[in-house]
Amino acid sequence: MTTQHNTCLNCGHKLVTRRENHPYASLPGTVLVGVPVYRCPNCGEAEVEIPMIDELNRTLAQGLTAKTTRLVGAEIRFLRGWLDYSSAEFASLLGSSPVTVSRW
């Protein structure tokens, strides 16, 4: 998410910006290092700026497809979302059933 907010959308106070390490919700287990985080000192609301998010997701997807070990469920969900496939389309691509893919 890219943001240019100077004030909190929740309470209107001025946001404080710091660079932080932040978990990447789209791919659990991935931590973004040194990304700008805008925090409200009043209510605690936070917004994370992820620079070049398309390139980040492409790089993560390439890394996952190069893995020599099995993908875990979160990695499979990330790839399916990145490719913008429905579960049925993704299962067909893999030569599997949607039920099997959902169990992964």
N, C-alpha and C. Protein backbone atom coordinates (compact mmCIF):
# COMPACT_ATOMS: atom_id res chain seq x y z
N MET A 1 0.83 -1.17 0.00
CA MET A 1 0.00 0.00 0.00
C MET A 1 0.88 1.24 0.00
N THR A 2 0.62 2.14 -0.87
CA THR A 2 1.36 3.39 -0.89
C THR A 2 0.49 4.48 -0.29
N THR A 3 1.07 5.29 0.57
CA THR A 3 0.31 6.34 1.23
C THR A 3 1.09 7.64 1.22
N GLN A 4 0.39 8.75 1.20
CA GLN A 4 1.01 10.07 1.27
C GLN A 4 0.34 10.88 2.37
N HIS A 5 -0.25 10.20 3.34
CA HIS A 5 -1.00 10.87 4.38
C HIS A 5 -0.08 11.54 5.38
N ASN A 6 -0.43 12.75 5.78
CA ASN A 6 0.28 13.44 6.84
C ASN A 6 -0.50 13.39 8.14
N THR A 7 -1.80 13.08 8.02
CA THR A 7 -2.62 13.00 9.21
C THR A 7 -3.34 11.66 9.26
N CYS A 8 -3.66 11.23 10.45
CA CYS A 8 -4.33 9.96 10.70
C CYS A 8 -5.75 10.00 10.13
N LEU A 9 -6.10 8.99 9.37
CA LEU A 9 -7.45 8.90 8.82
C LEU A 9 -8.46 8.57 9.90
N ASN A 10 -7.98 8.00 11.00
CA ASN A 10 -8.85 7.59 12.08
C ASN A 10 -9.21 8.74 13.03
N CYS A 11 -8.19 9.54 13.43
CA CYS A 11 -8.45 10.57 14.44
C CYS A 11 -7.98 11.97 14.04
N GLY A 12 -7.26 12.10 12.92
CA GLY A 12 -6.85 13.41 12.43
C GLY A 12 -5.54 13.95 12.98
N HIS A 13 -4.88 13.21 13.86
CA HIS A 13 -3.60 13.68 14.41
C HIS A 13 -2.47 13.49 13.39
N LYS A 14 -1.39 14.21 13.59
CA LYS A 14 -0.22 14.13 12.70
C LYS A 14 0.46 12.77 12.85
N LEU A 15 0.77 12.16 11.72
CA LEU A 15 1.45 10.86 11.72
C LEU A 15 2.95 11.03 11.90
N VAL A 16 3.56 10.07 12.56
CA VAL A 16 5.01 10.02 12.74
C VAL A 16 5.52 8.90 11.85
N THR A 17 6.54 9.20 11.06
CA THR A 17 7.08 8.23 10.12
C THR A 17 8.40 7.67 10.62
N ARG A 18 8.51 6.34 10.56
CA ARG A 18 9.77 5.66 10.89
C ARG A 18 9.96 4.51 9.92
N ARG A 19 11.21 4.12 9.73
CA ARG A 19 11.50 2.92 8.94
C ARG A 19 11.53 1.75 9.91
N GLU A 20 10.78 0.72 9.56
CA GLU A 20 10.66 -0.44 10.43
C GLU A 20 10.70 -1.72 9.61
N ASN A 21 10.95 -2.82 10.29
CA ASN A 21 10.77 -4.13 9.69
C ASN A 21 9.32 -4.51 9.95
N HIS A 22 8.64 -4.96 8.90
CA HIS A 22 7.21 -5.20 9.02
C HIS A 22 6.84 -6.52 8.34
N PRO A 23 6.05 -7.37 9.01
CA PRO A 23 5.61 -8.61 8.35
C PRO A 23 4.78 -8.30 7.12
N TYR A 24 4.97 -9.08 6.08
CA TYR A 24 4.22 -8.90 4.84
C TYR A 24 3.03 -9.85 4.86
N ALA A 25 1.84 -9.31 5.07
CA ALA A 25 0.64 -10.13 5.25
C ALA A 25 0.32 -10.99 4.03
N SER A 26 0.73 -10.57 2.85
CA SER A 26 0.42 -11.34 1.64
C SER A 26 1.17 -12.66 1.57
N LEU A 27 2.30 -12.75 2.28
CA LEU A 27 3.08 -13.99 2.30
C LEU A 27 3.63 -14.19 3.70
N PRO A 28 2.85 -14.86 4.57
CA PRO A 28 3.31 -15.08 5.95
C PRO A 28 4.71 -15.68 6.01
N GLY A 29 5.48 -15.18 6.95
CA GLY A 29 6.87 -15.61 7.08
C GLY A 29 7.84 -14.67 6.38
N THR A 30 7.30 -13.73 5.61
CA THR A 30 8.12 -12.75 4.91
C THR A 30 8.11 -11.45 5.70
N VAL A 31 9.29 -10.87 5.89
CA VAL A 31 9.41 -9.61 6.61
C VAL A 31 10.02 -8.57 5.68
N LEU A 32 9.35 -7.44 5.56
CA LEU A 32 9.86 -6.32 4.77
C LEU A 32 10.79 -5.53 5.66
N VAL A 33 11.99 -5.28 5.20
CA VAL A 33 13.02 -4.64 6.02
C VAL A 33 13.12 -3.15 5.68
N GLY A 34 12.99 -2.32 6.70
CA GLY A 34 13.21 -0.89 6.55
C GLY A 34 12.18 -0.16 5.71
N VAL A 35 10.91 -0.58 5.78
CA VAL A 35 9.86 0.12 5.02
C VAL A 35 9.29 1.26 5.85
N PRO A 36 8.83 2.34 5.19
CA PRO A 36 8.22 3.45 5.94
C PRO A 36 6.90 3.02 6.57
N VAL A 37 6.78 3.30 7.87
CA VAL A 37 5.54 3.04 8.59
C VAL A 37 5.08 4.36 9.18
N TYR A 38 3.85 4.73 8.89
CA TYR A 38 3.25 5.97 9.37
C TYR A 38 2.37 5.62 10.56
N ARG A 39 2.74 6.10 11.75
CA ARG A 39 1.99 5.78 12.96
C ARG A 39 1.39 7.02 13.59
N CYS A 40 0.21 6.83 14.15
CA CYS A 40 -0.45 7.90 14.88
C CYS A 40 -0.12 7.76 16.36
N PRO A 41 0.54 8.77 16.94
CA PRO A 41 0.87 8.69 18.36
C PRO A 41 -0.37 8.80 19.25
N ASN A 42 -1.48 9.25 18.69
CA ASN A 42 -2.70 9.43 19.48
C ASN A 42 -3.50 8.13 19.60
N CYS A 43 -3.82 7.51 18.46
CA CYS A 43 -4.69 6.33 18.49
C CYS A 43 -3.97 5.02 18.17
N GLY A 44 -2.71 5.11 17.71
CA GLY A 44 -1.94 3.90 17.42
C GLY A 44 -2.16 3.32 16.03
N GLU A 45 -3.01 3.93 15.25
CA GLU A 45 -3.25 3.47 13.88
C GLU A 45 -1.93 3.51 13.10
N ALA A 46 -1.72 2.54 12.20
CA ALA A 46 -0.48 2.50 11.43
C ALA A 46 -0.79 2.18 9.97
N GLU A 47 -0.02 2.78 9.08
CA GLU A 47 -0.08 2.51 7.64
C GLU A 47 1.33 2.21 7.18
N VAL A 48 1.46 1.18 6.36
CA VAL A 48 2.77 0.76 5.85
C VAL A 48 2.86 1.12 4.38
N GLU A 49 3.97 1.72 4.00
CA GLU A 49 4.21 2.02 2.59
C GLU A 49 5.12 0.95 2.03
N ILE A 50 4.66 0.29 0.98
CA ILE A 50 5.46 -0.77 0.36
C ILE A 50 5.88 -0.28 -1.01
N PRO A 51 7.13 0.19 -1.11
CA PRO A 51 7.62 0.68 -2.41
C PRO A 51 7.72 -0.46 -3.43
N MET A 52 7.40 -0.16 -4.67
CA MET A 52 7.54 -1.10 -5.79
C MET A 52 6.90 -2.46 -5.48
N ILE A 53 5.64 -2.42 -5.07
CA ILE A 53 4.95 -3.64 -4.64
C ILE A 53 4.83 -4.67 -5.77
N ASP A 54 4.63 -4.24 -7.00
CA ASP A 54 4.54 -5.20 -8.11
C ASP A 54 5.84 -5.96 -8.29
N GLU A 55 6.96 -5.25 -8.21
CA GLU A 55 8.27 -5.90 -8.33
C GLU A 55 8.53 -6.82 -7.15
N LEU A 56 8.12 -6.41 -5.96
CA LEU A 56 8.25 -7.26 -4.78
C LEU A 56 7.50 -8.56 -4.98
N ASN A 57 6.25 -8.47 -5.37
CA ASN A 57 5.44 -9.68 -5.56
C ASN A 57 5.98 -10.57 -6.67
N ARG A 58 6.47 -9.96 -7.74
CA ARG A 58 7.06 -10.74 -8.83
C ARG A 58 8.30 -11.49 -8.34
N THR A 59 9.15 -10.81 -7.58
CA THR A 59 10.36 -11.43 -7.05
C THR A 59 10.03 -12.57 -6.09
N LEU A 60 9.04 -12.35 -5.23
CA LEU A 60 8.62 -13.40 -4.31
C LEU A 60 8.07 -14.60 -5.07
N ALA A 61 7.26 -14.35 -6.09
CA ALA A 61 6.69 -15.44 -6.89
C ALA A 61 7.79 -16.22 -7.60
N GLN A 62 8.77 -15.52 -8.15
CA GLN A 62 9.89 -16.20 -8.82
C GLN A 62 10.68 -17.05 -7.82
N GLY A 63 10.88 -16.52 -6.63
CA GLY A 63 11.58 -17.28 -5.60
C GLY A 63 10.82 -18.54 -5.21
N LEU A 64 9.51 -18.42 -5.10
CA LEU A 64 8.71 -19.60 -4.74
C LEU A 64 8.74 -20.65 -5.84
N THR A 65 8.69 -20.23 -7.09
CA THR A 65 8.69 -21.21 -8.19
C THR A 65 10.05 -21.88 -8.34
N ALA A 66 11.09 -21.28 -7.79
CA ALA A 66 12.43 -21.87 -7.87
C ALA A 66 12.73 -22.78 -6.69
N LYS A 67 11.84 -22.83 -5.71
CA LYS A 67 12.07 -23.69 -4.54
C LYS A 67 12.20 -25.14 -4.95
N THR A 68 13.08 -25.85 -4.28
CA THR A 68 13.23 -27.28 -4.55
C THR A 68 12.48 -28.12 -3.52
N THR A 69 11.95 -27.48 -2.50
CA THR A 69 11.15 -28.17 -1.49
C THR A 69 9.68 -27.89 -1.74
N ARG A 70 8.82 -28.63 -1.04
CA ARG A 70 7.38 -28.44 -1.20
C ARG A 70 6.94 -27.06 -0.78
N LEU A 71 5.95 -26.55 -1.49
CA LEU A 71 5.35 -25.28 -1.09
C LEU A 71 4.36 -25.54 0.05
N VAL A 72 4.28 -24.60 0.96
CA VAL A 72 3.29 -24.69 2.03
C VAL A 72 2.04 -23.93 1.58
N GLY A 73 0.96 -24.10 2.33
CA GLY A 73 -0.33 -23.51 1.96
C GLY A 73 -0.27 -22.02 1.69
N ALA A 74 0.40 -21.27 2.56
CA ALA A 74 0.48 -19.82 2.39
C ALA A 74 1.19 -19.45 1.09
N GLU A 75 2.19 -20.24 0.71
CA GLU A 75 2.92 -19.97 -0.54
C GLU A 75 2.05 -20.26 -1.75
N ILE A 76 1.27 -21.33 -1.67
CA ILE A 76 0.36 -21.67 -2.77
C ILE A 76 -0.71 -20.59 -2.91
N ARG A 77 -1.27 -20.13 -1.78
CA ARG A 77 -2.28 -19.06 -1.82
C ARG A 77 -1.69 -17.77 -2.41
N PHE A 78 -0.44 -17.46 -2.03
CA PHE A 78 0.21 -16.27 -2.58
C PHE A 78 0.33 -16.38 -4.10
N LEU A 79 0.83 -17.51 -4.59
CA LEU A 79 1.01 -17.68 -6.04
C LEU A 79 -0.32 -17.61 -6.77
N ARG A 80 -1.34 -18.27 -6.23
CA ARG A 80 -2.65 -18.23 -6.88
C ARG A 80 -3.18 -16.80 -6.95
N GLY A 81 -3.02 -16.06 -5.86
CA GLY A 81 -3.46 -14.67 -5.84
C GLY A 81 -2.65 -13.80 -6.78
N TRP A 82 -1.34 -14.02 -6.82
CA TRP A 82 -0.48 -13.22 -7.69
C TRP A 82 -0.82 -13.47 -9.15
N LEU A 83 -1.13 -14.72 -9.47
CA LEU A 83 -1.50 -15.06 -10.85
C LEU A 83 -2.94 -14.66 -11.16
N ASP A 84 -3.70 -14.30 -10.14
CA ASP A 84 -5.09 -13.90 -10.27
C ASP A 84 -5.94 -15.02 -10.86
N TYR A 85 -5.72 -16.25 -10.38
CA TYR A 85 -6.50 -17.40 -10.80
C TYR A 85 -7.52 -17.76 -9.73
N SER A 86 -8.66 -18.21 -10.16
CA SER A 86 -9.62 -18.78 -9.22
C SER A 86 -9.05 -20.12 -8.75
N SER A 87 -9.63 -20.67 -7.70
CA SER A 87 -9.11 -21.96 -7.22
C SER A 87 -9.30 -23.04 -8.28
N ALA A 88 -10.41 -22.99 -9.03
CA ALA A 88 -10.65 -23.98 -10.09
C ALA A 88 -9.63 -23.83 -11.22
N GLU A 89 -9.35 -22.59 -11.62
CA GLU A 89 -8.35 -22.35 -12.68
C GLU A 89 -6.97 -22.81 -12.23
N PHE A 90 -6.63 -22.51 -10.99
CA PHE A 90 -5.31 -22.90 -10.47
C PHE A 90 -5.19 -24.42 -10.40
N ALA A 91 -6.24 -25.08 -9.94
CA ALA A 91 -6.22 -26.54 -9.87
C ALA A 91 -6.06 -27.15 -11.27
N SER A 92 -6.77 -26.60 -12.24
CA SER A 92 -6.67 -27.09 -13.61
C SER A 92 -5.25 -26.91 -14.15
N LEU A 93 -4.66 -25.76 -13.86
CA LEU A 93 -3.28 -25.49 -14.29
C LEU A 93 -2.32 -26.53 -13.74
N LEU A 94 -2.57 -26.96 -12.50
CA LEU A 94 -1.70 -27.94 -11.85
C LEU A 94 -2.09 -29.37 -12.14
N GLY A 95 -3.20 -29.57 -12.87
CA GLY A 95 -3.65 -30.93 -13.16
C GLY A 95 -4.22 -31.60 -11.93
N SER A 96 -4.88 -30.84 -11.09
CA SER A 96 -5.42 -31.35 -9.84
C SER A 96 -6.87 -30.92 -9.71
N SER A 97 -7.53 -31.38 -8.65
CA SER A 97 -8.90 -30.94 -8.41
C SER A 97 -8.91 -29.75 -7.45
N PRO A 98 -9.95 -28.92 -7.53
CA PRO A 98 -10.06 -27.78 -6.60
C PRO A 98 -10.08 -28.23 -5.14
N VAL A 99 -10.69 -29.38 -4.86
CA VAL A 99 -10.74 -29.90 -3.48
C VAL A 99 -9.33 -30.21 -2.98
N THR A 100 -8.53 -30.83 -3.82
CA THR A 100 -7.15 -31.15 -3.43
C THR A 100 -6.35 -29.87 -3.18
N VAL A 101 -6.49 -28.89 -4.06
CA VAL A 101 -5.76 -27.64 -3.91
C VAL A 101 -6.18 -26.94 -2.61
N SER A 102 -7.48 -26.97 -2.29
CA SER A 102 -7.93 -26.31 -1.07
C SER A 102 -7.37 -26.99 0.18
N ARG A 103 -7.09 -28.28 0.11
CA ARG A 103 -6.50 -28.99 1.25
C ARG A 103 -5.04 -28.63 1.46
N TRP A 104 -4.37 -28.20 0.39
CA TRP A 104 -2.97 -27.80 0.54
C TRP A 104 -2.88 -26.58 1.39
